[in-house]
Every structure is written in structure tokens, then in C-alpha cells.
Protein backbone atom coordinates (compact mmCIF):
# COMPACT_ATOMS: atom_id res chain seq x y z
CA UNK A 1 -57.48 13.93 -9.67
CA UNK A 2 -54.30 12.29 -10.90
CA UNK A 3 -50.98 13.93 -10.23
CA UNK A 4 -47.59 13.14 -11.83
CA UNK A 5 -44.62 14.56 -10.16
CA UNK A 6 -41.42 14.49 -11.98
CA UNK A 7 -38.10 16.23 -12.41
CA UNK A 8 -38.39 19.71 -14.34
CA UNK A 9 -37.13 19.97 -17.84
CA UNK A 10 -36.30 22.78 -19.99
CA UNK A 11 -39.74 23.04 -21.33
CA UNK A 12 -41.06 23.69 -17.81
CA UNK A 13 -39.02 26.57 -16.93
CA UNK A 14 -41.06 29.52 -17.89
CA UNK A 15 -44.14 27.70 -16.39
CA UNK A 16 -42.27 27.24 -13.17
CA UNK A 17 -41.44 30.84 -12.98
CA UNK A 18 -45.08 31.76 -13.67
CA UNK A 19 -46.52 29.35 -11.13
CA UNK A 20 -44.04 30.41 -8.28
CA UNK A 21 -44.91 34.06 -9.05
CA UNK A 22 -48.69 33.47 -8.93
CA UNK A 23 -48.53 31.40 -5.76
CA UNK A 24 -46.29 34.08 -3.96
CA UNK A 25 -47.95 37.14 -5.57
CA UNK A 26 -44.71 38.66 -6.49
CA UNK A 27 -41.78 37.88 -8.91
CA UNK A 28 -38.95 37.30 -6.24
CA UNK A 29 -39.55 33.34 -5.82
CA UNK A 30 -39.82 32.68 -9.71
CA UNK A 31 -36.53 34.82 -10.29
CA UNK A 32 -34.79 32.83 -7.30
CA UNK A 33 -35.62 29.47 -9.13
CA UNK A 34 -34.12 30.81 -12.44
CA UNK A 35 -30.93 32.12 -10.70
CA UNK A 36 -30.39 28.70 -8.61
CA UNK A 37 -30.80 26.87 -11.76
CA UNK A 38 -27.49 28.64 -13.05
CA UNK A 39 -25.77 27.68 -9.91
CA UNK A 40 -23.39 24.69 -10.01
CA UNK A 41 -24.85 23.22 -7.04
CA UNK A 42 -28.26 22.96 -8.59
CA UNK A 43 -29.46 19.19 -8.47
CA UNK A 44 -31.97 18.81 -11.31
CA UNK A 45 -33.44 15.81 -9.48
CA UNK A 46 -34.60 17.82 -6.83
CA UNK A 47 -36.47 20.38 -8.95
CA UNK A 48 -39.75 18.74 -9.17
CA UNK A 49 -42.91 19.62 -11.11
CA UNK A 50 -46.36 18.41 -10.41
CA UNK A 51 -48.66 18.01 -13.58
CA UNK A 52 -52.15 17.37 -14.32
CA UNK A 53 -52.23 15.84 -17.90
CA UNK A 54 -49.75 17.80 -19.83
CA UNK A 55 -50.30 21.10 -17.54
CA UNK A 56 -47.62 21.74 -14.90
CA UNK A 57 -49.42 23.00 -11.99
CA UNK A 58 -46.82 22.95 -9.18
CA UNK A 59 -43.20 23.06 -8.28
CA UNK A 60 -40.72 22.27 -5.41
CA UNK A 61 -37.14 22.88 -5.19
CA UNK A 62 -34.58 21.53 -2.70
CA UNK A 63 -31.13 23.27 -2.89
CA UNK A 64 -27.98 22.45 -1.05
CA UNK A 65 -27.09 24.59 2.03
CA UNK A 66 -24.60 24.75 4.75
CA UNK A 67 -25.22 24.76 8.56
CA UNK A 68 -22.06 26.27 9.79
CA UNK A 69 -20.75 26.56 13.46
CA UNK A 70 -17.31 27.95 14.59
CA UNK A 71 -15.61 24.61 14.33
CA UNK A 72 -17.64 22.72 11.58
CA UNK A 73 -19.79 22.93 8.56
CA UNK A 74 -22.64 20.44 7.78
CA UNK A 75 -24.36 19.97 4.35
CA UNK A 76 -28.17 19.95 4.33
CA UNK A 77 -30.97 21.18 1.88
CA UNK A 78 -33.30 24.04 1.91
CA UNK A 79 -36.90 23.46 0.73
CA UNK A 80 -37.40 26.67 -0.98
CA UNK A 81 -39.68 27.66 -2.83
CA UNK A 82 -42.68 25.32 -3.22
CA UNK A 83 -45.72 26.70 -5.15
CA UNK A 84 -49.12 25.58 -6.35
CA UNK A 85 -51.14 27.42 -8.86
CA UNK A 86 -53.47 29.37 -6.59
CA UNK A 87 -56.94 27.93 -7.93
CA UNK A 88 -55.43 24.46 -7.13
CA UNK A 89 -54.07 24.88 -3.69
CA UNK A 90 -55.56 23.01 -0.73
CA UNK A 91 -56.06 19.94 -3.02
CA UNK A 92 -53.16 17.96 -1.71
CA UNK A 93 -50.78 18.91 -4.74
CA UNK A 94 -48.19 20.58 -2.52
CA UNK A 95 -48.19 17.70 0.11
CA UNK A 96 -47.55 15.26 -2.73
CA UNK A 97 -44.53 17.63 -4.02
CA UNK A 98 -43.15 17.76 -0.40
CA UNK A 99 -43.53 13.92 0.25
CA UNK A 100 -42.16 12.98 -3.15
CA UNK A 101 -39.27 15.40 -2.67
CA UNK A 102 -38.36 14.33 0.76
CA UNK A 103 -38.20 10.76 -0.47
CA UNK A 104 -36.20 11.65 -3.57
CA UNK A 105 -33.62 13.69 -1.47
CA UNK A 106 -33.40 10.69 0.95
CA UNK A 107 -32.88 8.30 -1.98
CA UNK A 108 -29.90 10.73 -3.17
CA UNK A 109 -28.26 10.28 0.29
CA UNK A 110 -29.24 13.77 1.68
CA UNK A 111 -29.66 13.66 5.46
CA UNK A 112 -31.71 16.58 6.39
CA UNK A 113 -33.87 19.52 5.06
CA UNK A 114 -34.36 23.21 6.39
CA UNK A 115 -37.55 25.06 5.60
CA UNK A 116 -38.69 28.61 6.54
CA UNK A 117 -42.66 28.18 6.07
CA UNK A 118 -46.17 27.84 7.47
CA UNK A 119 -45.72 26.47 11.14
CA UNK A 120 -49.32 24.78 10.69
CA UNK A 121 -48.21 23.22 7.16
CA UNK A 122 -44.93 21.60 7.38
CA UNK A 123 -45.10 19.89 10.85
CA UNK A 124 -47.41 17.26 9.23
CA UNK A 125 -44.27 16.01 7.24
CA UNK A 126 -42.32 15.67 10.34
CA UNK A 127 -40.39 19.18 10.45
CA UNK A 128 -39.92 20.33 13.78
CA UNK A 129 -38.51 23.97 14.79
CA UNK A 130 -34.73 23.90 13.84
CA UNK A 131 -34.12 25.36 17.29
CA UNK A 132 -34.69 21.92 18.84
CA UNK A 133 -31.53 20.78 16.72
CA UNK A 134 -29.44 23.85 17.85
CA UNK A 135 -29.95 25.32 14.30
CA UNK A 136 -30.55 28.92 13.66
CA UNK A 137 -31.51 30.99 10.85
CA UNK A 138 -29.01 33.89 9.52
CA UNK A 139 -31.80 36.39 9.80
CA UNK A 140 -34.79 37.38 12.36
CA UNK A 141 -37.47 34.77 12.10
CA UNK A 142 -40.31 33.30 14.11
CA UNK A 143 -38.97 30.19 15.93
CA UNK A 144 -41.77 28.17 14.88
CA UNK A 145 -41.45 28.90 11.19
CA UNK A 146 -37.76 27.84 11.03
CA UNK A 147 -38.05 24.04 10.73
CA UNK A 148 -35.82 21.04 9.88
CA UNK A 149 -36.48 17.40 9.49
CA UNK A 150 -34.21 14.48 9.56
CA UNK A 151 -34.15 12.28 6.51
CA UNK A 152 -31.94 9.93 8.33
CA UNK A 153 -32.52 9.12 11.92
CA UNK A 154 -30.36 11.12 14.40
CA UNK A 155 -28.55 12.81 11.38
CA UNK A 156 -28.94 16.23 13.24
CA UNK A 157 -27.82 15.07 16.72
CA UNK A 158 -24.41 16.41 16.13
CA UNK A 159 -25.23 19.29 14.14
CA UNK A 160 -25.38 22.82 15.43
CA UNK A 161 -24.93 26.27 13.68
CA UNK A 162 -26.41 28.69 11.44
CA UNK A 163 -27.84 28.03 8.24
CA UNK A 164 -25.70 29.61 5.32
CA UNK A 165 -28.04 30.07 2.00
CA UNK A 166 -26.60 30.54 -1.21
CA UNK A 167 -26.07 34.14 -2.24
CA UNK A 168 -29.07 34.02 -4.87
CA UNK A 169 -31.42 33.70 -1.70
CA UNK A 170 -30.15 37.13 -0.58
CA UNK A 171 -31.95 38.88 -3.43
CA UNK A 172 -35.32 38.02 -2.11
């Protein structure tokens, strides 16, 4: 099965919304992507689709966030959301999206990524509990589900604080 991963384009917008809605069983994530796309901080190169032939079957978004302490703020990315058409899940499409997205984020100069996700899935890419880096979530969440990865070695050594998501995430 040949999967092609590329940045989204305008023709993909409605399919991306549909895939997110199907994968999560609700409309919140699809609407989140639509709202984030209108935010001036949106990075088109970090909204990627996976396609089989001409059919888009998956999507991943990395969006700029801040990690804030009382004294400083640090730039990072949130991996959210990531979705694959339900019938095609567990075939490695999501893994390809994550790997390509992390690689692209690193090439663009980003140093870290934060994800709230399945603690059995994301560690295989190098994600560790964010608490190991002294990074907290702005809401109650199981420690093992709130994770971080360094794209540059030791990039989170001097980072500490609470993640601040863009306002669009608050509507979920």
C-alpha cells in the first residue's frame, strides 16, 4: 500500500474535516482544524494529509503553542489532531503521518512537540510524559497521556511551565 504524504491544499479542506469527524466520532476536531486554519499562526507546511492514489485517507496538524512559566515563555508545537479513516486505522498510516510531521517540524526549525494522546501509541516515536520535562497541561489529564518530544537534543532541558493552547482549542 503506497501512501503519499504532502501538505494540505484548499481542495482537501472538506475531506480533512470529514476524516477528523469520522475518526473521533464527533465534529469537534474537524471544526478545530477549520478554526485553526484561520489563525495567523497556522503553518500550512505542518498540516499534512496522507493519500492513497487520489484519495485523502488521513491528516495531521502541528500548531504553534507556548509553554509559560512565571519568568519565561517557550515556543513549541502541539500535535493535534491526527486522524485516519476508521476502516484504514492500524495499517501504519498514522505512524507515517507522525514521522513525516516530526521530520518536517524539525526541518522548519521547531525544537519540541507536545501531544495529548494514547500513552501506548506515541512513545514509539520518542514521546515521554511531559512531566519529565517539568511541563504541565492547563487542565486535568493523566500524566502518561500528556507527552513531549525533543526534536533537538536537550531542547527542553531549560524549559518548564504550563502549556498555553490557542483559544480555538478551548471550544473542544
